[in-house]
Amino acid sequence: MERKENALNMLVMPDGRQLEFNKHVRSQISQDILDLIREINPVDTAIHKAALQELSTRRATFGAQGRLGSLPVLPPEILPPPPPGITRKKKFRIPKPEGKPEDEPVDYTAEL
């Protein structure tokens, strides 16, 4: 996301306005404009449609095999409901080492 934000921040209009590109703004694009974009870009549209179908197929296959359970879990506020038959695992937490002494600070200027 940071890369996208940096790129959008560089696109400033002469009067100082900046571009906004988010879900809300995209939802405001009229259907006529979307249809025109799809008409002008038939190859991109076909690739996108094929990619969505492939994603759906692989997701169903991996879900049936139980291979999606090892993916990172998103916070509940941004998660859609799980598909039927899929259960969510608890969030993975990295265990903290026990009994490890704290590292002593190093004076790098002493060697100069």
PDB file of N, CA and C in Angstrom:
ATOM      1  N   MET A   1       0.803  -1.189   0.000  1.00  0.00           N
ATOM      2  CA  MET A   1       0.000   0.000   0.000  1.00  0.00           C
ATOM      3  C   MET A   1       0.852   1.261   0.000  1.00  0.00           C
ATOM      4  N   GLU A   2       2.009   1.206   0.646  1.00  0.00           N
ATOM      5  CA  GLU A   2       2.849   2.386   0.736  1.00  0.00           C
ATOM      6  C   GLU A   2       3.315   2.820  -0.654  1.00  0.00           C
ATOM      7  N   ARG A   3       3.660   1.859  -1.491  1.00  0.00           N
ATOM      8  CA  ARG A   3       4.123   2.171  -2.848  1.00  0.00           C
ATOM      9  C   ARG A   3       3.019   2.871  -3.634  1.00  0.00           C
ATOM     10  N   LYS A   4       1.790   2.357  -3.511  1.00  0.00           N
ATOM     11  CA  LYS A   4       0.654   2.962  -4.207  1.00  0.00           C
ATOM     12  C   LYS A   4       0.423   4.384  -3.705  1.00  0.00           C
ATOM     13  N   GLU A   5       0.472   4.580  -2.383  1.00  0.00           N
ATOM     14  CA  GLU A   5       0.264   5.920  -1.820  1.00  0.00           C
ATOM     15  C   GLU A   5       1.345   6.879  -2.284  1.00  0.00           C
ATOM     16  N   ASN A   6       2.598   6.418  -2.329  1.00  0.00           N
ATOM     17  CA  ASN A   6       3.680   7.282  -2.796  1.00  0.00           C
ATOM     18  C   ASN A   6       3.477   7.676  -4.246  1.00  0.00           C
ATOM     19  N   ALA A   7       3.039   6.722  -5.072  1.00  0.00           N
ATOM     20  CA  ALA A   7       2.810   7.014  -6.485  1.00  0.00           C
ATOM     21  C   ALA A   7       1.672   8.019  -6.647  1.00  0.00           C
ATOM     22  N   LEU A   8       0.593   7.833  -5.899  1.00  0.00           N
ATOM     23  CA  LEU A   8      -0.531   8.763  -5.997  1.00  0.00           C
ATOM     24  C   LEU A   8      -0.168  10.146  -5.473  1.00  0.00           C
ATOM     25  N   ASN A   9       0.696  10.222  -4.474  1.00  0.00           N
ATOM     26  CA  ASN A   9       1.119  11.514  -3.935  1.00  0.00           C
ATOM     27  C   ASN A   9       1.926  12.310  -4.949  1.00  0.00           C
ATOM     28  N   MET A  10       2.574  11.624  -5.888  1.00  0.00           N
ATOM     29  CA  MET A  10       3.351  12.328  -6.917  1.00  0.00           C
ATOM     30  C   MET A  10       2.456  12.884  -8.020  1.00  0.00           C
ATOM     31  N   LEU A  11       1.219  12.401  -8.109  1.00  0.00           N
ATOM     32  CA  LEU A  11       0.297  12.869  -9.141  1.00  0.00           C
ATOM     33  C   LEU A  11      -0.552  14.012  -8.590  1.00  0.00           C
ATOM     34  N   VAL A  12       0.004  15.189  -8.621  1.00  0.00           N
ATOM     35  CA  VAL A  12      -0.683  16.371  -8.107  1.00  0.00           C
ATOM     36  C   VAL A  12      -1.075  17.241  -9.297  1.00  0.00           C
ATOM     37  N   MET A  13      -2.319  17.708  -9.285  1.00  0.00           N
ATOM     38  CA  MET A  13      -2.802  18.559 -10.367  1.00  0.00           C
ATOM     39  C   MET A  13      -2.244  19.961 -10.186  1.00  0.00           C
ATOM     40  N   PRO A  14      -2.213  20.765 -11.259  1.00  0.00           N
ATOM     41  CA  PRO A  14      -1.626  22.110 -11.166  1.00  0.00           C
ATOM     42  C   PRO A  14      -2.234  22.978 -10.068  1.00  0.00           C
ATOM     43  N   ASP A  15      -3.517  22.769  -9.757  1.00  0.00           N
ATOM     44  CA  ASP A  15      -4.146  23.584  -8.718  1.00  0.00           C
ATOM     45  C   ASP A  15      -3.947  23.007  -7.316  1.00  0.00           C
ATOM     46  N   GLY A  16      -3.145  21.948  -7.179  1.00  0.00           N
ATOM     47  CA  GLY A  16      -2.831  21.386  -5.874  1.00  0.00           C
ATOM     48  C   GLY A  16      -3.677  20.194  -5.465  1.00  0.00           C
ATOM     49  N   ARG A  17      -4.736  19.899  -6.228  1.00  0.00           N
ATOM     50  CA  ARG A  17      -5.561  18.746  -5.884  1.00  0.00           C
ATOM     51  C   ARG A  17      -4.792  17.452  -6.156  1.00  0.00           C
ATOM     52  N   GLN A  18      -5.080  16.437  -5.337  1.00  0.00           N
ATOM     53  CA  GLN A  18      -4.448  15.135  -5.527  1.00  0.00           C
ATOM     54  C   GLN A  18      -5.487  14.097  -5.917  1.00  0.00           C
ATOM     55  N   LEU A  19      -5.020  13.065  -6.582  1.00  0.00           N
ATOM     56  CA  LEU A  19      -5.907  11.979  -6.965  1.00  0.00           C
ATOM     57  C   LEU A  19      -6.241  11.126  -5.759  1.00  0.00           C
ATOM     58  N   GLU A  20      -7.468  10.659  -5.730  1.00  0.00           N
ATOM     59  CA  GLU A  20      -7.898   9.712  -4.713  1.00  0.00           C
ATOM     60  C   GLU A  20      -8.237   8.425  -5.430  1.00  0.00           C
ATOM     61  N   PHE A  21      -7.788   7.316  -4.906  1.00  0.00           N
ATOM     62  CA  PHE A  21      -8.083   6.029  -5.532  1.00  0.00           C
ATOM     63  C   PHE A  21      -8.348   5.031  -4.421  1.00  0.00           C
ATOM     64  N   ASN A  22      -9.607   4.822  -4.130  1.00  0.00           N
ATOM     65  CA  ASN A  22      -9.988   3.867  -3.101  1.00  0.00           C
ATOM     66  C   ASN A  22     -11.316   3.237  -3.488  1.00  0.00           C
ATOM     67  N   LYS A  23     -11.790   2.341  -2.663  1.00  0.00           N
ATOM     68  CA  LYS A  23     -13.009   1.602  -2.971  1.00  0.00           C
ATOM     69  C   LYS A  23     -14.204   2.538  -3.150  1.00  0.00           C
ATOM     70  N   HIS A  24     -14.314   3.534  -2.275  1.00  0.00           N
ATOM     71  CA  HIS A  24     -15.438   4.466  -2.367  1.00  0.00           C
ATOM     72  C   HIS A  24     -15.407   5.244  -3.684  1.00  0.00           C
ATOM     73  N   VAL A  25     -14.249   5.745  -4.048  1.00  0.00           N
ATOM     74  CA  VAL A  25     -14.126   6.523  -5.285  1.00  0.00           C
ATOM     75  C   VAL A  25     -14.422   5.637  -6.494  1.00  0.00           C
ATOM     76  N   ARG A  26     -13.892   4.420  -6.490  1.00  0.00           N
ATOM     77  CA  ARG A  26     -14.150   3.501  -7.612  1.00  0.00           C
ATOM     78  C   ARG A  26     -15.628   3.159  -7.727  1.00  0.00           C
ATOM     79  N   SER A  27     -16.327   3.092  -6.595  1.00  0.00           N
ATOM     80  CA  SER A  27     -17.759   2.759  -6.648  1.00  0.00           C
ATOM     81  C   SER A  27     -18.579   3.889  -7.273  1.00  0.00           C
ATOM     82  N   GLN A  28     -18.021   5.089  -7.356  1.00  0.00           N
ATOM     83  CA  GLN A  28     -18.721   6.236  -7.927  1.00  0.00           C
ATOM     84  C   GLN A  28     -18.587   6.320  -9.457  1.00  0.00           C
ATOM     85  N   ILE A  29     -17.765   5.452 -10.044  1.00  0.00           N
ATOM     86  CA  ILE A  29     -17.584   5.467 -11.507  1.00  0.00           C
ATOM     87  C   ILE A  29     -18.856   4.920 -12.146  1.00  0.00           C
ATOM     88  N   SER A  30     -19.378   5.651 -13.124  1.00  0.00           N
ATOM     89  CA  SER A  30     -20.642   5.239 -13.747  1.00  0.00           C
ATOM     90  C   SER A  30     -20.458   3.960 -14.564  1.00  0.00           C
ATOM     91  N   GLN A  31     -21.551   3.219 -14.701  1.00  0.00           N
ATOM     92  CA  GLN A  31     -21.516   1.961 -15.455  1.00  0.00           C
ATOM     93  C   GLN A  31     -21.157   2.220 -16.917  1.00  0.00           C
ATOM     94  N   ASP A  32     -21.587   3.358 -17.483  1.00  0.00           N
ATOM     95  CA  ASP A  32     -21.251   3.691 -18.874  1.00  0.00           C
ATOM     96  C   ASP A  32     -19.740   3.793 -19.061  1.00  0.00           C
ATOM     97  N   ILE A  33     -19.058   4.425 -18.098  1.00  0.00           N
ATOM     98  CA  ILE A  33     -17.598   4.567 -18.177  1.00  0.00           C
ATOM     99  C   ILE A  33     -16.942   3.193 -18.052  1.00  0.00           C
ATOM    100  N   LEU A  34     -17.423   2.378 -17.119  1.00  0.00           N
ATOM    101  CA  LEU A  34     -16.857   1.033 -16.963  1.00  0.00           C
ATOM    102  C   LEU A  34     -17.043   0.212 -18.225  1.00  0.00           C
ATOM    103  N   ASP A  35     -18.223   0.304 -18.846  1.00  0.00           N
ATOM    104  CA  ASP A  35     -18.471  -0.423 -20.094  1.00  0.00           C
ATOM    105  C   ASP A  35     -17.547   0.062 -21.204  1.00  0.00           C
ATOM    106  N   LEU A  36     -17.313   1.376 -21.269  1.00  0.00           N
ATOM    107  CA  LEU A  36     -16.411   1.934 -22.275  1.00  0.00           C
ATOM    108  C   LEU A  36     -14.983   1.434 -22.056  1.00  0.00           C
ATOM    109  N   ILE A  37     -14.540   1.407 -20.809  1.00  0.00           N
ATOM    110  CA  ILE A  37     -13.195   0.907 -20.495  1.00  0.00           C
ATOM    111  C   ILE A  37     -13.055  -0.547 -20.931  1.00  0.00           C
ATOM    112  N   ARG A  38     -14.070  -1.351 -20.627  1.00  0.00           N
ATOM    113  CA  ARG A  38     -14.031  -2.768 -21.018  1.00  0.00           C
ATOM    114  C   ARG A  38     -14.047  -2.928 -22.539  1.00  0.00           C
ATOM    115  N   GLU A  39     -14.789  -2.069 -23.232  1.00  0.00           N
ATOM    116  CA  GLU A  39     -14.862  -2.132 -24.693  1.00  0.00           C
ATOM    117  C   GLU A  39     -13.523  -1.750 -25.332  1.00  0.00           C
ATOM    118  N   ILE A  40     -12.866  -0.748 -24.778  1.00  0.00           N
ATOM    119  CA  ILE A  40     -11.583  -0.282 -25.315  1.00  0.00           C
ATOM    120  C   ILE A  40     -10.457  -1.268 -25.010  1.00  0.00           C
ATOM    121  N   ASN A  41     -10.594  -2.031 -23.941  1.00  0.00           N
ATOM    122  CA  ASN A  41      -9.542  -2.960 -23.504  1.00  0.00           C
ATOM    123  C   ASN A  41     -10.032  -4.405 -23.483  1.00  0.00           C
ATOM    124  N   PRO A  42     -10.389  -4.961 -24.645  1.00  0.00           N
ATOM    125  CA  PRO A  42     -10.970  -6.311 -24.639  1.00  0.00           C
ATOM    126  C   PRO A  42      -9.992  -7.395 -24.168  1.00  0.00           C
ATOM    127  N   VAL A  43      -8.720  -7.241 -24.479  1.00  0.00           N
ATOM    128  CA  VAL A  43      -7.742  -8.251 -24.064  1.00  0.00           C
ATOM    129  C   VAL A  43      -7.583  -8.223 -22.546  1.00  0.00           C
ATOM    130  N   ASP A  44      -7.454  -7.025 -21.968  1.00  0.00           N
ATOM    131  CA  ASP A  44      -7.346  -6.913 -20.514  1.00  0.00           C
ATOM    132  C   ASP A  44      -8.584  -7.479 -19.823  1.00  0.00           C
ATOM    133  N   THR A  45      -9.752  -7.201 -20.406  1.00  0.00           N
ATOM    134  CA  THR A  45     -11.002  -7.709 -19.838  1.00  0.00           C
ATOM    135  C   THR A  45     -11.029  -9.228 -19.871  1.00  0.00           C
ATOM    136  N   ALA A  46     -10.595  -9.818 -20.986  1.00  0.00           N
ATOM    137  CA  ALA A  46     -10.567 -11.283 -21.105  1.00  0.00           C
ATOM    138  C   ALA A  46      -9.565 -11.895 -20.125  1.00  0.00           C
ATOM    139  N   ILE A  47      -8.401 -11.267 -19.985  1.00  0.00           N
ATOM    140  CA  ILE A  47      -7.392 -11.762 -19.042  1.00  0.00           C
ATOM    141  C   ILE A  47      -7.925 -11.680 -17.616  1.00  0.00           C
ATOM    142  N   HIS A  48      -8.559 -10.574 -17.279  1.00  0.00           N
ATOM    143  CA  HIS A  48      -9.118 -10.407 -15.928  1.00  0.00           C
ATOM    144  C   HIS A  48     -10.190 -11.459 -15.648  1.00  0.00           C
ATOM    145  N   LYS A  49     -11.062 -11.694 -16.606  1.00  0.00           N
ATOM    146  CA  LYS A  49     -12.126 -12.685 -16.430  1.00  0.00           C
ATOM    147  C   LYS A  49     -11.538 -14.082 -16.248  1.00  0.00           C
ATOM    148  N   ALA A  50     -10.524 -14.425 -17.062  1.00  0.00           N
ATOM    149  CA  ALA A  50      -9.882 -15.737 -16.943  1.00  0.00           C
ATOM    150  C   ALA A  50      -9.153 -15.878 -15.607  1.00  0.00           C
ATOM    151  N   ALA A  51      -8.520 -14.800 -15.164  1.00  0.00           N
ATOM    152  CA  ALA A  51      -7.797 -14.833 -13.894  1.00  0.00           C
ATOM    153  C   ALA A  51      -8.765 -15.013 -12.721  1.00  0.00           C
ATOM    154  N   LEU A  52      -9.909 -14.345 -12.765  1.00  0.00           N
ATOM    155  CA  LEU A  52     -10.906 -14.512 -11.707  1.00  0.00           C
ATOM    156  C   LEU A  52     -11.418 -15.949 -11.664  1.00  0.00           C
ATOM    157  N   GLN A  53     -11.634 -16.541 -12.837  1.00  0.00           N
ATOM    158  CA  GLN A  53     -12.096 -17.931 -12.895  1.00  0.00           C
ATOM    159  C   GLN A  53     -11.031 -18.869 -12.338  1.00  0.00           C
ATOM    160  N   GLU A  54      -9.769 -18.648 -12.703  1.00  0.00           N
ATOM    161  CA  GLU A  54      -8.669 -19.476 -12.197  1.00  0.00           C
ATOM    162  C   GLU A  54      -8.528 -19.338 -10.686  1.00  0.00           C
ATOM    163  N   LEU A  55      -8.630 -18.122 -10.189  1.00  0.00           N
ATOM    164  CA  LEU A  55      -8.560 -17.886  -8.750  1.00  0.00           C
ATOM    165  C   LEU A  55      -9.686 -18.620  -8.024  1.00  0.00           C
ATOM    166  N   SER A  56     -10.881 -18.537  -8.562  1.00  0.00           N
ATOM    167  CA  SER A  56     -12.027 -19.207  -7.958  1.00  0.00           C
ATOM    168  C   SER A  56     -11.828 -20.723  -7.934  1.00  0.00           C
ATOM    169  N   THR A  57     -11.338 -21.264  -9.036  1.00  0.00           N
ATOM    170  CA  THR A  57     -11.093 -22.705  -9.123  1.00  0.00           C
ATOM    171  C   THR A  57     -10.031 -23.142  -8.126  1.00  0.00           C
ATOM    172  N   ARG A  58      -8.910 -22.442  -8.094  1.00  0.00           N
ATOM    173  CA  ARG A  58      -7.832 -22.815  -7.171  1.00  0.00           C
ATOM    174  C   ARG A  58      -8.253 -22.653  -5.716  1.00  0.00           C
ATOM    175  N   ARG A  59      -8.982 -21.585  -5.430  1.00  0.00           N
ATOM    176  CA  ARG A  59      -9.437 -21.364  -4.051  1.00  0.00           C
ATOM    177  C   ARG A  59     -10.345 -22.505  -3.603  1.00  0.00           C
ATOM    178  N   ALA A  60     -11.256 -22.926  -4.486  1.00  0.00           N
ATOM    179  CA  ALA A  60     -12.148 -24.037  -4.155  1.00  0.00           C
ATOM    180  C   ALA A  60     -11.354 -25.322  -3.955  1.00  0.00           C
ATOM    181  N   THR A  61     -10.396 -25.572  -4.844  1.00  0.00           N
ATOM    182  CA  THR A  61      -9.574 -26.783  -4.737  1.00  0.00           C
ATOM    183  C   THR A  61      -8.752 -26.783  -3.465  1.00  0.00           C
ATOM    184  N   PHE A  62      -8.049 -25.684  -3.211  1.00  0.00           N
ATOM    185  CA  PHE A  62      -7.210 -25.604  -2.008  1.00  0.00           C
ATOM    186  C   PHE A  62      -8.055 -25.642  -0.740  1.00  0.00           C
ATOM    187  N   GLY A  63      -9.226 -25.013  -0.776  1.00  0.00           N
ATOM    188  CA  GLY A  63     -10.108 -25.042   0.379  1.00  0.00           C
ATOM    189  C   GLY A  63     -10.576 -26.456   0.682  1.00  0.00           C
ATOM    190  N   ALA A  64     -10.924 -27.207  -0.382  1.00  0.00           N
ATOM    191  CA  ALA A  64     -11.361 -28.593  -0.196  1.00  0.00           C
ATOM    192  C   ALA A  64     -10.228 -29.469   0.336  1.00  0.00           C
ATOM    193  N   GLN A  65      -8.997 -29.123  -0.017  1.00  0.00           N
ATOM    194  CA  GLN A  65      -7.833 -29.893   0.452  1.00  0.00           C
ATOM    195  C   GLN A  65      -7.359 -29.425   1.829  1.00  0.00           C
ATOM    196  N   GLY A  66      -7.946 -28.360   2.354  1.00  0.00           N
ATOM    197  CA  GLY A  66      -7.540 -27.843   3.654  1.00  0.00           C
ATOM    198  C   GLY A  66      -6.236 -27.065   3.618  1.00  0.00           C
ATOM    199  N   ARG A  67      -5.827 -26.623   2.437  1.00  0.00           N
ATOM    200  CA  ARG A  67      -4.554 -25.924   2.304  1.00  0.00           C
ATOM    201  C   ARG A  67      -4.651 -24.426   2.563  1.00  0.00           C
ATOM    202  N   LEU A  68      -5.834 -23.887   2.733  1.00  0.00           N
ATOM    203  CA  LEU A  68      -5.965 -22.459   2.985  1.00  0.00           C
ATOM    204  C   LEU A  68      -5.859 -22.123   4.466  1.00  0.00           C
ATOM    205  N   GLY A  69      -5.951 -23.118   5.321  1.00  0.00           N
ATOM    206  CA  GLY A  69      -5.907 -22.869   6.752  1.00  0.00           C
ATOM    207  C   GLY A  69      -4.583 -22.327   7.234  1.00  0.00           C
ATOM    208  N   SER A  70      -3.498 -22.518   6.488  1.00  0.00           N
ATOM    209  CA  SER A  70      -2.194 -22.059   6.931  1.00  0.00           C
ATOM    210  C   SER A  70      -1.888 -20.620   6.516  1.00  0.00           C
ATOM    211  N   LEU A  71      -2.799 -19.990   5.798  1.00  0.00           N
ATOM    212  CA  LEU A  71      -2.586 -18.606   5.398  1.00  0.00           C
ATOM    213  C   LEU A  71      -2.770 -17.689   6.592  1.00  0.00           C
ATOM    214  N   PRO A  72      -2.123 -16.520   6.600  1.00  0.00           N
ATOM    215  CA  PRO A  72      -2.284 -15.597   7.728  1.00  0.00           C
ATOM    216  C   PRO A  72      -3.741 -15.173   7.887  1.00  0.00           C
ATOM    217  N   VAL A  73      -4.144 -14.987   9.113  1.00  0.00           N
ATOM    218  CA  VAL A  73      -5.514 -14.582   9.417  1.00  0.00           C
ATOM    219  C   VAL A  73      -5.562 -13.063   9.554  1.00  0.00           C
ATOM    220  N   LEU A  74      -6.539 -12.454   8.886  1.00  0.00           N
ATOM    221  CA  LEU A  74      -6.714 -11.010   8.966  1.00  0.00           C
ATOM    222  C   LEU A  74      -7.524 -10.661  10.205  1.00  0.00           C
ATOM    223  N   PRO A  75      -7.398  -9.434  10.694  1.00  0.00           N
ATOM    224  CA  PRO A  75      -8.226  -9.015  11.827  1.00  0.00           C
ATOM    225  C   PRO A  75      -9.706  -9.162  11.488  1.00  0.00           C
ATOM    226  N   PRO A  76     -10.548  -9.517  12.443  1.00  0.00           N
ATOM    227  CA  PRO A  76     -11.963  -9.785  12.166  1.00  0.00           C
ATOM    228  C   PRO A  76     -12.708  -8.628  11.517  1.00  0.00           C
ATOM    229  N   GLU A  77     -12.300  -7.386  11.776  1.00  0.00           N
ATOM    230  CA  GLU A  77     -13.042  -6.267  11.219  1.00  0.00           C
ATOM    231  C   GLU A  77     -12.921  -6.139   9.706  1.00  0.00           C
ATOM    232  N   ILE A  78     -11.922  -6.782   9.090  1.00  0.00           N
ATOM    233  CA  ILE A  78     -11.798  -6.698   7.629  1.00  0.00           C
ATOM    234  C   ILE A  78     -11.997  -8.048   6.947  1.00  0.00           C
ATOM    235  N   LEU A  79     -12.349  -9.059   7.726  1.00  0.00           N
ATOM    236  CA  LEU A  79     -12.576 -10.381   7.158  1.00  0.00           C
ATOM    237  C   LEU A  79     -14.021 -10.554   6.713  1.00  0.00           C
ATOM    238  N   PRO A  80     -14.223 -11.079   5.501  1.00  0.00           N
ATOM    239  CA  PRO A  80     -15.582 -11.456   5.126  1.00  0.00           C
ATOM    240  C   PRO A  80     -15.925 -12.775   5.835  1.00  0.00           C
ATOM    241  N   PRO A  81     -17.191 -13.162   5.862  1.00  0.00           N
ATOM    242  CA  PRO A  81     -17.521 -14.437   6.486  1.00  0.00           C
ATOM    243  C   PRO A  81     -16.836 -15.580   5.734  1.00  0.00           C
ATOM    244  N   PRO A  82     -16.418 -16.628   6.433  1.00  0.00           N
ATOM    245  CA  PRO A  82     -15.728 -17.730   5.757  1.00  0.00           C
ATOM    246  C   PRO A  82     -16.678 -18.513   4.862  1.00  0.00           C
ATOM    247  N   PRO A  83     -16.144 -19.117   3.796  1.00  0.00           N
ATOM    248  CA  PRO A  83     -16.976 -19.958   2.940  1.00  0.00           C
ATOM    249  C   PRO A  83     -17.460 -21.179   3.722  1.00  0.00           C
ATOM    250  N   PRO A  84     -18.547 -21.796   3.295  1.00  0.00           N
ATOM    251  CA  PRO A  84     -19.044 -22.987   3.991  1.00  0.00           C
ATOM    252  C   PRO A  84     -17.969 -24.070   4.064  1.00  0.00           C
ATOM    253  N   GLY A  85     -17.841 -24.663   5.225  1.00  0.00           N
ATOM    254  CA  GLY A  85     -16.880 -25.752   5.400  1.00  0.00           C
ATOM    255  C   GLY A  85     -15.487 -25.298   5.795  1.00  0.00           C
ATOM    256  N   ILE A  86     -15.222 -23.991   5.814  1.00  0.00           N
ATOM    257  CA  ILE A  86     -13.902 -23.471   6.167  1.00  0.00           C
ATOM    258  C   ILE A  86     -13.983 -22.875   7.571  1.00  0.00           C
ATOM    259  N   THR A  87     -13.076 -23.279   8.440  1.00  0.00           N
ATOM    260  CA  THR A  87     -13.028 -22.704   9.774  1.00  0.00           C
ATOM    261  C   THR A  87     -11.778 -21.856   9.906  1.00  0.00           C
ATOM    262  N   ARG A  88     -11.862 -20.840  10.728  1.00  0.00           N
ATOM    263  CA  ARG A  88     -10.711 -19.963  10.932  1.00  0.00           C
ATOM    264  C   ARG A  88      -9.914 -20.430  12.122  1.00  0.00           C
ATOM    265  N   LYS A  89      -8.609 -20.379  11.973  1.00  0.00           N
ATOM    266  CA  LYS A  89      -7.719 -20.709  13.071  1.00  0.00           C
ATOM    267  C   LYS A  89      -7.410 -19.447  13.863  1.00  0.00           C
ATOM    268  N   LYS A  90      -6.943 -19.622  15.078  1.00  0.00           N
ATOM    269  CA  LYS A  90      -6.552 -18.478  15.881  1.00  0.00           C
ATOM    270  C   LYS A  90      -5.337 -17.807  15.260  1.00  0.00           C
ATOM    271  N   LYS A  91      -5.193 -16.529  15.512  1.00  0.00           N
ATOM    272  CA  LYS A  91      -4.072 -15.762  14.989  1.00  0.00           C
ATOM    273  C   LYS A  91      -2.758 -16.311  15.533  1.00  0.00           C
ATOM    274  N   PHE A  92      -1.790 -16.498  14.652  1.00  0.00           N
ATOM    275  CA  PHE A  92      -0.482 -17.016  15.043  1.00  0.00           C
ATOM    276  C   PHE A  92       0.321 -15.920  15.722  1.00  0.00           C
ATOM    277  N   ARG A  93       0.897 -16.242  16.840  1.00  0.00           N
ATOM    278  CA  ARG A  93       1.748 -15.296  17.556  1.00  0.00           C
ATOM    279  C   ARG A  93       3.133 -15.916  17.710  1.00  0.00           C
ATOM    280  N   ILE A  94       4.155 -15.124  17.468  1.00  0.00           N
ATOM    281  CA  ILE A  94       5.524 -15.601  17.621  1.00  0.00           C
ATOM    282  C   ILE A  94       5.848 -15.639  19.101  1.00  0.00           C
ATOM    283  N   PRO A  95       6.245 -16.817  19.600  1.00  0.00           N
ATOM    284  CA  PRO A  95       6.550 -16.899  21.030  1.00  0.00           C
ATOM    285  C   PRO A  95       7.814 -16.118  21.369  1.00  0.00           C
ATOM    286  N   LYS A  96       7.800 -15.482  22.533  1.00  0.00           N
ATOM    287  CA  LYS A  96       8.968 -14.733  22.982  1.00  0.00           C
ATOM    288  C   LYS A  96       9.914 -15.695  23.688  1.00  0.00           C
ATOM    289  N   PRO A  97      11.214 -15.574  23.435  1.00  0.00           N
ATOM    290  CA  PRO A  97      12.156 -16.468  24.113  1.00  0.00           C
ATOM    291  C   PRO A  97      12.175 -16.192  25.612  1.00  0.00           C
ATOM    292  N   GLU A  98      12.283 -17.252  26.365  1.00  0.00           N
ATOM    293  CA  GLU A  98      12.299 -17.116  27.825  1.00  0.00           C
ATOM    294  C   GLU A  98      13.721 -17.257  28.337  1.00  0.00           C
ATOM    295  N   GLY A  99      14.057 -16.445  29.322  1.00  0.00           N
ATOM    296  CA  GLY A  99      15.362 -16.555  29.972  1.00  0.00           C
ATOM    297  C   GLY A  99      16.524 -16.065  29.138  1.00  0.00           C
ATOM    298  N   LYS A 100      16.268 -15.397  28.037  1.00  0.00           N
ATOM    299  CA  LYS A 100      17.362 -14.891  27.202  1.00  0.00           C
ATOM    300  C   LYS A 100      17.862 -13.574  27.786  1.00  0.00           C
ATOM    301  N   PRO A 101      19.161 -13.458  28.056  1.00  0.00           N
ATOM    302  CA  PRO A 101      19.662 -12.196  28.606  1.00  0.00           C
ATOM    303  C   PRO A 101      19.563 -11.085  27.562  1.00  0.00           C
ATOM    304  N   GLU A 102      19.313  -9.899  28.048  1.00  0.00           N
ATOM    305  CA  GLU A 102      19.244  -8.739  27.164  1.00  0.00           C
ATOM    306  C   GLU A 102      20.618  -8.488  26.555  1.00  0.00           C
ATOM    307  N   ASP A 103      20.638  -8.084  25.293  1.00  0.00           N
ATOM    308  CA  ASP A 103      21.912  -7.750  24.650  1.00  0.00           C
ATOM    309  C   ASP A 103      22.483  -6.489  25.283  1.00  0.00           C
ATOM    310  N   GLU A 104      23.781  -6.513  25.518  1.00  0.00           N
ATOM    311  CA  GLU A 104      24.422  -5.335  26.085  1.00  0.00           C
ATOM    312  C   GLU A 104      24.664  -4.324  24.979  1.00  0.00           C
ATOM    313  N   PRO A 105      24.497  -3.033  25.272  1.00  0.00           N
ATOM    314  CA  PRO A 105      24.745  -2.029  24.240  1.00  0.00           C
ATOM    315  C   PRO A 105      26.210  -2.041  23.815  1.00  0.00           C
ATOM    316  N   VAL A 106      26.422  -1.793  22.544  1.00  0.00           N
ATOM    317  CA  VAL A 106      27.777  -1.789  22.005  1.00  0.00           C
ATOM    318  C   VAL A 106      28.163  -0.353  21.671  1.00  0.00           C
ATOM    319  N   ASP A 107      29.364   0.042  22.074  1.00  0.00           N
ATOM    320  CA  ASP A 107      29.878   1.367  21.758  1.00  0.00           C
ATOM    321  C   ASP A 107      30.731   1.251  20.500  1.00  0.00           C
ATOM    322  N   TYR A 108      30.138   1.635  19.361  1.00  0.00           N
ATOM    323  CA  TYR A 108      30.849   1.523  18.085  1.00  0.00           C
ATOM    324  C   TYR A 108      31.885   2.638  17.908  1.00  0.00           C
ATOM    325  N   THR A 109      31.788   3.685  18.695  1.00  0.00           N
ATOM    326  CA  THR A 109      32.740   4.784  18.543  1.00  0.00           C
ATOM    327  C   THR A 109      34.077   4.461  19.207  1.00  0.00           C
ATOM    328  N   ALA A 110      34.128   3.445  20.046  1.00  0.00           N
ATOM    329  CA  ALA A 110      35.363   3.103  20.769  1.00  0.00           C
ATOM    330  C   ALA A 110      36.475   2.646  19.814  1.00  0.00           C
ATOM    331  N   GLU A 111      36.088   2.111  18.663  1.00  0.00           N
ATOM    332  CA  GLU A 111      37.104   1.605  17.719  1.00  0.00           C
ATOM    333  C   GLU A 111      37.677   2.696  16.830  1.00  0.00           C
ATOM    334  N   LEU A 112      37.086   3.872  16.856  1.00  0.00           N
ATOM    335  CA  LEU A 112      37.549   4.940  15.953  1.00  0.00           C
ATOM    336  C   LEU A 112      38.820   5.549  16.386  1.00  0.00           C
TER     337      LEU A 112
END
